[in-house]
Amino acid sequence: MTTLTQPRTATAKDVPAVDGAKLFNRLCAVCLTLFALIWLVPFAWAIATSLRSDGSITQDPTSPFAGGWSLHAYSTAWHDHPIGTWYLNSLVISALAVIFTVVFGSMAGFALAFLRYRGRAAVLALVAAGLMLPSEALVLPQFIEYRSFHLLGTFWALVLPSVAAPISVFVFQSFFRGIPTALIEAARIDGASWWRVYAGVCMPLCRPALSTVAILTFITTWNSFLWPLLVLNQTKSQTIPVGLASLVSNSNIQYAEVMASSVLGFLPLIAVFLVFQRQIVQGVATTGIK
């Protein structure tokens, strides 16, 4: 006697559940990849154009492989223009801006986070107002100010405006406010002064915020164009962005040479980002800056 078995109908429990987290992560990965490709296209085009000759660029500007590739534009740009001096100027200015911004920004953020004094709300509002004002609106007052101090044409005219950057103050204040109050109170009970609390307790804990402010200040100072263009009036004292802009002539544009100089200008920034990208992400996530 044979027994017939009926196939069991599928129930809702047998259907594999869709993992929403994995689906969301894949969607984010696809979007980030597309945006990364969009951002990388201009860089790839600049590199390909810098390796071509001016004649091939003029004849067939849309084909990146026409005419072959060579490093002639890089050698010409490096030997015919003081790019090495511009590199050194940008490096010195950016390094000084990073040092002063980290020191004074951290002090201001510490004071706004822990100290209670008359006028604290007004200082905080003044710092917030600095975030709302565009940098172009401050060009004329700053120019008059630094001219009165006889600092035009010097590196200090580029370093000092970034010392009290509002964004650096807010980054440090946001991080300091995340430090447990009990830790600060314990240090104060043990007899530590506010200066020792700042230097010995808070600063060793704020490495993510410190690295974030340092990297963002370096990138912003390196890419600055308008203010160095107005302040630095000598060719050898110019920075990379200003020097690269002076290579473009209305009568005769050497496309390969201009692109090669541009590639030499943004390579340090790409290197800084690739080396310190983990610190940037960690600092932004820790301080809560959107």
C-alpha atoms as a PDB file:
ATOM      1  CA  MET A   1       0.000   0.000   0.000  1.00  0.00           C
ATOM      2  CA  THR A   2       1.571   3.241  -1.138  1.00  0.00           C
ATOM      3  CA  THR A   3       1.232   6.505   0.649  1.00  0.00           C
ATOM      4  CA  LEU A   4       0.984   9.743  -1.304  1.00  0.00           C
ATOM      5  CA  THR A   5       2.614  12.793   0.245  1.00  0.00           C
ATOM      6  CA  GLN A   6       1.285  16.204  -0.520  1.00  0.00           C
ATOM      7  CA  PRO A   7       3.871  18.959  -1.187  1.00  0.00           C
ATOM      8  CA  ARG A   8       4.013  21.329   1.741  1.00  0.00           C
ATOM      9  CA  THR A   9       2.839  24.809   0.892  1.00  0.00           C
ATOM     10  CA  ALA A  10       5.329  27.585   1.461  1.00  0.00           C
ATOM     11  CA  THR A  11       4.565  29.804   4.377  1.00  0.00           C
ATOM     12  CA  ALA A  12       5.721  33.282   5.193  1.00  0.00           C
ATOM     13  CA  LYS A  13       8.323  31.856   7.546  1.00  0.00           C
ATOM     14  CA  ASP A  14       9.988  29.879   4.720  1.00  0.00           C
ATOM     15  CA  VAL A  15      10.544  32.982   2.546  1.00  0.00           C
ATOM     16  CA  PRO A  16      14.005  34.384   3.247  1.00  0.00           C
ATOM     17  CA  ALA A  17      13.741  37.789   4.813  1.00  0.00           C
ATOM     18  CA  VAL A  18      15.321  40.690   2.987  1.00  0.00           C
ATOM     19  CA  ASP A  19      18.223  42.098   4.984  1.00  0.00           C
ATOM     20  CA  GLY A  20      17.524  45.820   4.957  1.00  0.00           C
ATOM     21  CA  ALA A  21      20.927  46.706   6.380  1.00  0.00           C
ATOM     22  CA  LYS A  22      22.824  44.867   3.636  1.00  0.00           C
ATOM     23  CA  LEU A  23      20.589  46.340   0.949  1.00  0.00           C
ATOM     24  CA  PHE A  24      21.164  49.842   2.319  1.00  0.00           C
ATOM     25  CA  ASN A  25      24.930  49.288   2.516  1.00  0.00           C
ATOM     26  CA  ARG A  26      25.041  48.086  -1.089  1.00  0.00           C
ATOM     27  CA  LEU A  27      23.002  51.078  -2.223  1.00  0.00           C
ATOM     28  CA  CYS A  28      25.368  53.432  -0.381  1.00  0.00           C
ATOM     29  CA  ALA A  29      28.386  51.686  -1.899  1.00  0.00           C
ATOM     30  CA  VAL A  30      26.952  52.050  -5.412  1.00  0.00           C
ATOM     31  CA  CYS A  31      26.186  55.755  -4.875  1.00  0.00           C
ATOM     32  CA  LEU A  32      29.620  56.457  -3.409  1.00  0.00           C
ATOM     33  CA  THR A  33      31.299  54.638  -6.299  1.00  0.00           C
ATOM     34  CA  LEU A  34      29.355  56.656  -8.870  1.00  0.00           C
ATOM     35  CA  PHE A  35      30.155  59.963  -7.153  1.00  0.00           C
ATOM     36  CA  ALA A  36      33.818  58.947  -6.818  1.00  0.00           C
ATOM     37  CA  LEU A  37      33.990  58.218 -10.535  1.00  0.00           C
ATOM     38  CA  ILE A  38      32.393  61.574 -11.312  1.00  0.00           C
ATOM     39  CA  TRP A  39      34.986  63.354  -9.155  1.00  0.00           C
ATOM     40  CA  LEU A  40      37.871  61.333 -10.610  1.00  0.00           C
ATOM     41  CA  VAL A  41      37.054  62.135 -14.251  1.00  0.00           C
ATOM     42  CA  PRO A  42      38.532  65.705 -14.134  1.00  0.00           C
ATOM     43  CA  PHE A  43      41.691  64.427 -12.435  1.00  0.00           C
ATOM     44  CA  ALA A  44      42.126  61.661 -15.011  1.00  0.00           C
ATOM     45  CA  TRP A  45      41.510  64.144 -17.834  1.00  0.00           C
ATOM     46  CA  ALA A  46      44.080  66.577 -16.404  1.00  0.00           C
ATOM     47  CA  ILE A  47      46.706  63.832 -16.106  1.00  0.00           C
ATOM     48  CA  ALA A  48      46.036  62.563 -19.639  1.00  0.00           C
ATOM     49  CA  THR A  49      46.186  66.087 -21.092  1.00  0.00           C
ATOM     50  CA  SER A  50      49.408  66.891 -19.251  1.00  0.00           C
ATOM     51  CA  LEU A  51      51.090  63.896 -20.905  1.00  0.00           C
ATOM     52  CA  ARG A  52      50.197  65.021 -24.447  1.00  0.00           C
ATOM     53  CA  SER A  53      51.799  67.602 -26.703  1.00  0.00           C
ATOM     54  CA  ASP A  54      50.234  70.980 -27.416  1.00  0.00           C
ATOM     55  CA  GLY A  55      49.925  70.184 -31.118  1.00  0.00           C
ATOM     56  CA  SER A  56      47.930  67.001 -30.523  1.00  0.00           C
ATOM     57  CA  ILE A  57      45.726  68.789 -27.984  1.00  0.00           C
ATOM     58  CA  THR A  58      44.936  71.532 -30.513  1.00  0.00           C
ATOM     59  CA  GLN A  59      44.220  69.079 -33.336  1.00  0.00           C
ATOM     60  CA  ASP A  60      42.177  66.561 -31.359  1.00  0.00           C
ATOM     61  CA  PRO A  61      41.282  67.906 -27.906  1.00  0.00           C
ATOM     62  CA  THR A  62      38.699  65.205 -27.102  1.00  0.00           C
ATOM     63  CA  SER A  63      40.946  62.170 -27.560  1.00  0.00           C
ATOM     64  CA  PRO A  64      43.240  61.577 -24.566  1.00  0.00           C
ATOM     65  CA  PHE A  65      45.437  59.097 -26.469  1.00  0.00           C
ATOM     66  CA  ALA A  66      46.076  61.065 -29.668  1.00  0.00           C
ATOM     67  CA  GLY A  67      49.701  62.007 -30.285  1.00  0.00           C
ATOM     68  CA  GLY A  68      51.198  59.745 -27.635  1.00  0.00           C
ATOM     69  CA  TRP A  69      52.248  60.494 -24.070  1.00  0.00           C
ATOM     70  CA  SER A  70      55.432  62.029 -22.707  1.00  0.00           C
ATOM     71  CA  LEU A  71      56.722  63.884 -19.633  1.00  0.00           C
ATOM     72  CA  HIS A  72      57.951  66.893 -21.628  1.00  0.00           C
ATOM     73  CA  ALA A  73      55.295  69.233 -20.165  1.00  0.00           C
ATOM     74  CA  TYR A  74      56.330  68.368 -16.601  1.00  0.00           C
ATOM     75  CA  SER A  75      60.009  69.054 -17.213  1.00  0.00           C
ATOM     76  CA  THR A  76      59.185  72.310 -19.011  1.00  0.00           C
ATOM     77  CA  ALA A  77      56.862  73.508 -16.242  1.00  0.00           C
ATOM     78  CA  TRP A  78      59.390  72.643 -13.534  1.00  0.00           C
ATOM     79  CA  HIS A  79      62.401  74.295 -15.205  1.00  0.00           C
ATOM     80  CA  ASP A  80      60.714  77.358 -16.729  1.00  0.00           C
ATOM     81  CA  HIS A  81      58.771  78.404 -13.629  1.00  0.00           C
ATOM     82  CA  PRO A  82      59.698  78.580  -9.912  1.00  0.00           C
ATOM     83  CA  ILE A  83      57.306  75.793  -8.978  1.00  0.00           C
ATOM     84  CA  GLY A  84      59.736  74.469  -6.370  1.00  0.00           C
ATOM     85  CA  THR A  85      59.746  77.869  -4.648  1.00  0.00           C
ATOM     86  CA  TRP A  86      55.949  78.004  -4.796  1.00  0.00           C
ATOM     87  CA  TYR A  87      55.831  74.549  -3.220  1.00  0.00           C
ATOM     88  CA  LEU A  88      58.110  75.673  -0.404  1.00  0.00           C
ATOM     89  CA  ASN A  89      56.087  78.852   0.184  1.00  0.00           C
ATOM     90  CA  SER A  90      52.803  76.933   0.347  1.00  0.00           C
ATOM     91  CA  LEU A  91      54.334  74.337   2.658  1.00  0.00           C
ATOM     92  CA  VAL A  92      55.732  76.926   5.085  1.00  0.00           C
ATOM     93  CA  ILE A  93      52.521  78.971   5.134  1.00  0.00           C
ATOM     94  CA  SER A  94      50.312  75.886   5.565  1.00  0.00           C
ATOM     95  CA  ALA A  95      52.515  74.448   8.327  1.00  0.00           C
ATOM     96  CA  LEU A  96      52.534  77.728  10.282  1.00  0.00           C
ATOM     97  CA  ALA A  97      48.769  78.078   9.840  1.00  0.00           C
ATOM     98  CA  VAL A  98      48.244  74.537  11.167  1.00  0.00           C
ATOM     99  CA  ILE A  99      50.417  75.142  14.247  1.00  0.00           C
ATOM    100  CA  PHE A 100      48.824  78.461  15.209  1.00  0.00           C
ATOM    101  CA  THR A 101      45.283  77.297  14.430  1.00  0.00           C
ATOM    102  CA  VAL A 102      45.606  74.148  16.534  1.00  0.00           C
ATOM    103  CA  VAL A 103      47.095  76.020  19.499  1.00  0.00           C
ATOM    104  CA  PHE A 104      44.739  79.011  19.604  1.00  0.00           C
ATOM    105  CA  GLY A 105      41.663  77.127  18.370  1.00  0.00           C
ATOM    106  CA  SER A 106      42.035  74.497  21.069  1.00  0.00           C
ATOM    107  CA  MET A 107      42.468  77.173  23.741  1.00  0.00           C
ATOM    108  CA  ALA A 108      39.342  79.002  22.591  1.00  0.00           C
ATOM    109  CA  GLY A 109      37.352  75.761  22.371  1.00  0.00           C
ATOM    110  CA  PHE A 110      38.480  74.767  25.879  1.00  0.00           C
ATOM    111  CA  ALA A 111      37.468  78.137  27.286  1.00  0.00           C
ATOM    112  CA  LEU A 112      34.020  77.974  25.657  1.00  0.00           C
ATOM    113  CA  ALA A 113      33.470  74.381  26.823  1.00  0.00           C
ATOM    114  CA  PHE A 114      34.518  74.556  30.489  1.00  0.00           C
ATOM    115  CA  LEU A 115      35.095  78.100  31.700  1.00  0.00           C
ATOM    116  CA  ARG A 116      32.216  80.240  32.939  1.00  0.00           C
ATOM    117  CA  TYR A 117      32.785  83.967  32.636  1.00  0.00           C
ATOM    118  CA  ARG A 118      30.848  87.111  31.853  1.00  0.00           C
ATOM    119  CA  GLY A 119      30.353  87.599  28.132  1.00  0.00           C
ATOM    120  CA  ARG A 120      30.769  83.926  27.222  1.00  0.00           C
ATOM    121  CA  ALA A 121      27.484  83.901  25.269  1.00  0.00           C
ATOM    122  CA  ALA A 122      28.554  86.993  23.330  1.00  0.00           C
ATOM    123  CA  VAL A 123      31.880  85.371  22.416  1.00  0.00           C
ATOM    124  CA  LEU A 124      30.080  82.225  21.286  1.00  0.00           C
ATOM    125  CA  ALA A 125      27.701  84.298  19.155  1.00  0.00           C
ATOM    126  CA  LEU A 126      30.649  86.172  17.648  1.00  0.00           C
ATOM    127  CA  VAL A 127      32.308  82.894  16.691  1.00  0.00           C
ATOM    128  CA  ALA A 128      29.041  81.676  15.154  1.00  0.00           C
ATOM    129  CA  ALA A 129      28.796  84.903  13.169  1.00  0.00           C
ATOM    130  CA  GLY A 130      32.239  84.194  11.765  1.00  0.00           C
ATOM    131  CA  LEU A 131      30.864  80.981  10.265  1.00  0.00           C
ATOM    132  CA  MET A 132      28.059  82.844   8.528  1.00  0.00           C
ATOM    133  CA  LEU A 133      30.201  85.516   6.895  1.00  0.00           C
ATOM    134  CA  PRO A 134      31.789  84.619   3.550  1.00  0.00           C
ATOM    135  CA  SER A 135      35.537  85.014   3.412  1.00  0.00           C
ATOM    136  CA  GLU A 136      35.244  87.443   0.482  1.00  0.00           C
ATOM    137  CA  ALA A 137      33.380  89.932   2.707  1.00  0.00           C
ATOM    138  CA  LEU A 138      36.419  90.154   5.006  1.00  0.00           C
ATOM    139  CA  VAL A 139      38.983  90.804   2.288  1.00  0.00           C
ATOM    140  CA  LEU A 140      38.820  94.612   2.328  1.00  0.00           C
ATOM    141  CA  PRO A 141      38.859  95.061   6.157  1.00  0.00           C
ATOM    142  CA  GLN A 142      41.699  92.565   6.470  1.00  0.00           C
ATOM    143  CA  PHE A 143      43.658  94.260   3.699  1.00  0.00           C
ATOM    144  CA  ILE A 144      43.366  97.638   5.419  1.00  0.00           C
ATOM    145  CA  GLU A 145      44.271  96.101   8.764  1.00  0.00           C
ATOM    146  CA  TYR A 146      47.398  94.296   7.576  1.00  0.00           C
ATOM    147  CA  ARG A 147      48.474  97.284   5.531  1.00  0.00           C
ATOM    148  CA  SER A 148      48.397  99.403   8.676  1.00  0.00           C
ATOM    149  CA  PHE A 149      50.608  96.812  10.405  1.00  0.00           C
ATOM    150  CA  HIS A 150      52.990  96.746   7.400  1.00  0.00           C
ATOM    151  CA  LEU A 151      52.506  93.005   6.927  1.00  0.00           C
ATOM    152  CA  LEU A 152      51.545  93.016   3.254  1.00  0.00           C
ATOM    153  CA  GLY A 153      53.932  90.944   1.175  1.00  0.00           C
ATOM    154  CA  THR A 154      54.866  88.738   4.148  1.00  0.00           C
ATOM    155  CA  PHE A 155      53.821  85.218   5.078  1.00  0.00           C
ATOM    156  CA  TRP A 156      52.291  86.474   8.342  1.00  0.00           C
ATOM    157  CA  ALA A 157      49.513  88.144   6.374  1.00  0.00           C
ATOM    158  CA  LEU A 158      48.455  84.663   5.236  1.00  0.00           C
ATOM    159  CA  VAL A 159      49.014  82.833   8.524  1.00  0.00           C
ATOM    160  CA  LEU A 160      47.355  85.167  11.023  1.00  0.00           C
ATOM    161  CA  PRO A 161      43.830  85.266   9.459  1.00  0.00           C
ATOM    162  CA  SER A 162      43.477  81.512   9.916  1.00  0.00           C
ATOM    163  CA  VAL A 163      44.579  81.483  13.566  1.00  0.00           C
ATOM    164  CA  ALA A 164      41.102  82.009  15.042  1.00  0.00           C
ATOM    165  CA  ALA A 165      39.151  80.102  12.395  1.00  0.00           C
ATOM    166  CA  PRO A 166      35.571  79.650  13.698  1.00  0.00           C
ATOM    167  CA  ILE A 167      35.290  76.088  12.411  1.00  0.00           C
ATOM    168  CA  SER A 168      38.370  75.004  14.387  1.00  0.00           C
ATOM    169  CA  VAL A 169      36.977  76.585  17.554  1.00  0.00           C
ATOM    170  CA  PHE A 170      33.688  74.729  17.137  1.00  0.00           C
ATOM    171  CA  VAL A 171      35.421  71.410  16.434  1.00  0.00           C
ATOM    172  CA  PHE A 172      37.476  71.656  19.621  1.00  0.00           C
ATOM    173  CA  GLN A 173      34.524  72.900  21.669  1.00  0.00           C
ATOM    174  CA  SER A 174      32.354  70.030  20.452  1.00  0.00           C
ATOM    175  CA  PHE A 175      35.016  67.485  21.369  1.00  0.00           C
ATOM    176  CA  PHE A 176      35.814  69.016  24.752  1.00  0.00           C
ATOM    177  CA  ARG A 177      32.128  68.980  25.694  1.00  0.00           C
ATOM    178  CA  GLY A 178      32.156  65.213  25.121  1.00  0.00           C
ATOM    179  CA  ILE A 179      34.807  64.693  27.807  1.00  0.00           C
ATOM    180  CA  PRO A 180      33.184  63.501  31.079  1.00  0.00           C
ATOM    181  CA  THR A 181      32.743  66.328  33.534  1.00  0.00           C
ATOM    182  CA  ALA A 182      33.784  64.008  36.367  1.00  0.00           C
ATOM    183  CA  LEU A 183      37.251  63.748  34.862  1.00  0.00           C
ATOM    184  CA  ILE A 184      37.659  67.526  34.820  1.00  0.00           C
ATOM    185  CA  GLU A 185      36.290  67.860  38.362  1.00  0.00           C
ATOM    186  CA  ALA A 186      38.634  65.142  39.629  1.00  0.00           C
ATOM    187  CA  ALA A 187      41.619  66.978  38.161  1.00  0.00           C
ATOM    188  CA  ARG A 188      40.452  70.238  39.727  1.00  0.00           C
ATOM    189  CA  ILE A 189      39.970  68.584  43.134  1.00  0.00           C
ATOM    190  CA  ASP A 190      43.517  67.217  42.928  1.00  0.00           C
ATOM    191  CA  GLY A 191      44.720  70.806  42.632  1.00  0.00           C
ATOM    192  CA  ALA A 192      45.327  71.022  38.891  1.00  0.00           C
ATOM    193  CA  SER A 193      45.021  74.465  37.390  1.00  0.00           C
ATOM    194  CA  TRP A 194      42.947  75.127  34.306  1.00  0.00           C
ATOM    195  CA  TRP A 195      46.127  75.288  32.248  1.00  0.00           C
ATOM    196  CA  ARG A 196      47.195  71.847  33.489  1.00  0.00           C
ATOM    197  CA  VAL A 197      43.704  70.460  32.834  1.00  0.00           C
ATOM    198  CA  TYR A 198      43.937  71.770  29.295  1.00  0.00           C
ATOM    199  CA  ALA A 199      47.484  70.569  28.586  1.00  0.00           C
ATOM    200  CA  GLY A 200      47.628  67.370  30.630  1.00  0.00           C
ATOM    201  CA  VAL A 201      44.061  66.028  30.538  1.00  0.00           C
ATOM    202  CA  CYS A 202      42.114  67.360  27.555  1.00  0.00           C
ATOM    203  CA  MET A 203      44.734  67.703  24.829  1.00  0.00           C
ATOM    204  CA  PRO A 204      45.961  64.075  25.026  1.00  0.00           C
ATOM    205  CA  LEU A 205      42.338  62.955  24.608  1.00  0.00           C
ATOM    206  CA  CYS A 206      41.510  65.155  21.628  1.00  0.00           C
ATOM    207  CA  ARG A 207      43.797  63.622  19.015  1.00  0.00           C
ATOM    208  CA  PRO A 208      40.906  62.997  16.565  1.00  0.00           C
ATOM    209  CA  ALA A 209      39.805  66.640  16.753  1.00  0.00           C
ATOM    210  CA  LEU A 210      43.402  67.830  16.550  1.00  0.00           C
ATOM    211  CA  SER A 211      44.110  65.782  13.431  1.00  0.00           C
ATOM    212  CA  THR A 212      40.854  66.914  11.808  1.00  0.00           C
ATOM    213  CA  VAL A 213      41.560  70.611  12.399  1.00  0.00           C
ATOM    214  CA  ALA A 214      45.167  70.229  11.272  1.00  0.00           C
ATOM    215  CA  ILE A 215      44.280  68.470   8.012  1.00  0.00           C
ATOM    216  CA  LEU A 216      41.382  70.773   7.127  1.00  0.00           C
ATOM    217  CA  THR A 217      43.482  73.853   7.904  1.00  0.00           C
ATOM    218  CA  PHE A 218      46.339  72.557   5.778  1.00  0.00           C
ATOM    219  CA  ILE A 219      44.049  71.859   2.813  1.00  0.00           C
ATOM    220  CA  THR A 220      42.219  75.197   3.116  1.00  0.00           C
ATOM    221  CA  THR A 221      45.434  77.201   3.396  1.00  0.00           C
ATOM    222  CA  TRP A 222      47.074  75.324   0.532  1.00  0.00           C
ATOM    223  CA  ASN A 223      44.077  75.953  -1.775  1.00  0.00           C
ATOM    224  CA  SER A 224      43.590  79.599  -0.810  1.00  0.00           C
ATOM    225  CA  PHE A 225      43.735  81.860  -3.858  1.00  0.00           C
ATOM    226  CA  LEU A 226      42.058  85.272  -3.462  1.00  0.00           C
ATOM    227  CA  TRP A 227      43.786  86.461  -0.293  1.00  0.00           C
ATOM    228  CA  PRO A 228      47.330  85.376  -1.337  1.00  0.00           C
ATOM    229  CA  LEU A 229      46.738  86.990  -4.731  1.00  0.00           C
ATOM    230  CA  LEU A 230      46.059  90.352  -3.050  1.00  0.00           C
ATOM    231  CA  VAL A 231      48.730  90.138  -0.356  1.00  0.00           C
ATOM    232  CA  LEU A 232      51.756  88.600  -2.087  1.00  0.00           C
ATOM    233  CA  ASN A 233      53.029  90.934  -4.795  1.00  0.00           C
ATOM    234  CA  GLN A 234      56.280  89.184  -5.742  1.00  0.00           C
ATOM    235  CA  THR A 235      56.529  86.169  -8.024  1.00  0.00           C
ATOM    236  CA  LYS A 236      58.950  84.222  -5.818  1.00  0.00           C
ATOM    237  CA  SER A 237      56.786  84.695  -2.734  1.00  0.00           C
ATOM    238  CA  GLN A 238      53.618  83.369  -4.367  1.00  0.00           C
ATOM    239  CA  THR A 239      51.889  80.148  -3.425  1.00  0.00           C
ATOM    240  CA  ILE A 240      50.971  77.243  -5.685  1.00  0.00           C
ATOM    241  CA  PRO A 241      47.404  78.384  -6.631  1.00  0.00           C
ATOM    242  CA  VAL A 242      48.494  81.956  -7.402  1.00  0.00           C
ATOM    243  CA  GLY A 243      51.556  80.796  -9.296  1.00  0.00           C
ATOM    244  CA  LEU A 244      49.554  78.355 -11.400  1.00  0.00           C
ATOM    245  CA  ALA A 245      47.065  81.088 -12.293  1.00  0.00           C
ATOM    246  CA  SER A 246      49.907  83.268 -13.572  1.00  0.00           C
ATOM    247  CA  LEU A 247      50.861  80.580 -16.105  1.00  0.00           C
ATOM    248  CA  VAL A 248      47.654  81.137 -18.078  1.00  0.00           C
ATOM    249  CA  SER A 249      48.096  83.834 -20.725  1.00  0.00           C
ATOM    250  CA  ASN A 250      45.398  85.348 -22.907  1.00  0.00           C
ATOM    251  CA  SER A 251      47.582  85.274 -26.019  1.00  0.00           C
ATOM    252  CA  ASN A 252      49.199  81.840 -25.839  1.00  0.00           C
ATOM    253  CA  ILE A 253      48.017  79.024 -23.575  1.00  0.00           C
ATOM    254  CA  GLN A 254      50.253  75.985 -23.253  1.00  0.00           C
ATOM    255  CA  TYR A 255      47.595  73.469 -22.341  1.00  0.00           C
ATOM    256  CA  ALA A 256      49.891  70.566 -21.545  1.00  0.00           C
ATOM    257  CA  GLU A 257      52.147  72.764 -19.403  1.00  0.00           C
ATOM    258  CA  VAL A 258      49.197  74.263 -17.506  1.00  0.00           C
ATOM    259  CA  MET A 259      47.738  70.807 -16.854  1.00  0.00           C
ATOM    260  CA  ALA A 260      51.125  69.466 -15.742  1.00  0.00           C
ATOM    261  CA  SER A 261      51.489  72.351 -13.296  1.00  0.00           C
ATOM    262  CA  SER A 262      47.975  71.729 -12.002  1.00  0.00           C
ATOM    263  CA  VAL A 263      48.761  68.053 -11.451  1.00  0.00           C
ATOM    264  CA  LEU A 264      51.888  69.015  -9.525  1.00  0.00           C
ATOM    265  CA  GLY A 265      49.746  71.383  -7.455  1.00  0.00           C
ATOM    266  CA  PHE A 266      47.059  68.943  -6.337  1.00  0.00           C
ATOM    267  CA  LEU A 267      49.252  65.858  -5.833  1.00  0.00           C
ATOM    268  CA  PRO A 268      50.305  66.908  -2.282  1.00  0.00           C
ATOM    269  CA  LEU A 269      46.662  67.321  -1.263  1.00  0.00           C
ATOM    270  CA  ILE A 270      45.770  63.870  -2.577  1.00  0.00           C
ATOM    271  CA  ALA A 271      48.745  62.419  -0.698  1.00  0.00           C
ATOM    272  CA  VAL A 272      47.679  64.133   2.530  1.00  0.00           C
ATOM    273  CA  PHE A 273      44.120  62.854   2.183  1.00  0.00           C
ATOM    274  CA  LEU A 274      45.172  59.280   1.379  1.00  0.00           C
ATOM    275  CA  VAL A 275      47.551  59.153   4.339  1.00  0.00           C
ATOM    276  CA  PHE A 276      45.250  60.804   6.885  1.00  0.00           C
ATOM    277  CA  GLN A 277      41.773  59.833   5.643  1.00  0.00           C
ATOM    278  CA  ARG A 278      41.160  57.595   8.662  1.00  0.00           C
ATOM    279  CA  GLN A 279      41.938  60.473  11.023  1.00  0.00           C
ATOM    280  CA  ILE A 280      39.604  62.773   9.092  1.00  0.00           C
ATOM    281  CA  VAL A 281      36.700  60.324   9.278  1.00  0.00           C
ATOM    282  CA  GLN A 282      37.365  59.562  12.931  1.00  0.00           C
ATOM    283  CA  GLY A 283      37.574  63.229  13.861  1.00  0.00           C
ATOM    284  CA  VAL A 284      34.379  64.146  12.025  1.00  0.00           C
ATOM    285  CA  ALA A 285      32.503  61.201  13.571  1.00  0.00           C
ATOM    286  CA  THR A 286      33.802  61.945  17.068  1.00  0.00           C
ATOM    287  CA  THR A 287      33.160  65.676  17.094  1.00  0.00           C
ATOM    288  CA  GLY A 288      29.764  65.401  15.416  1.00  0.00           C
ATOM    289  CA  ILE A 289      30.510  67.997  12.724  1.00  0.00           C
ATOM    290  CA  LYS A 290      27.993  67.686   9.889  1.00  0.00           C
END
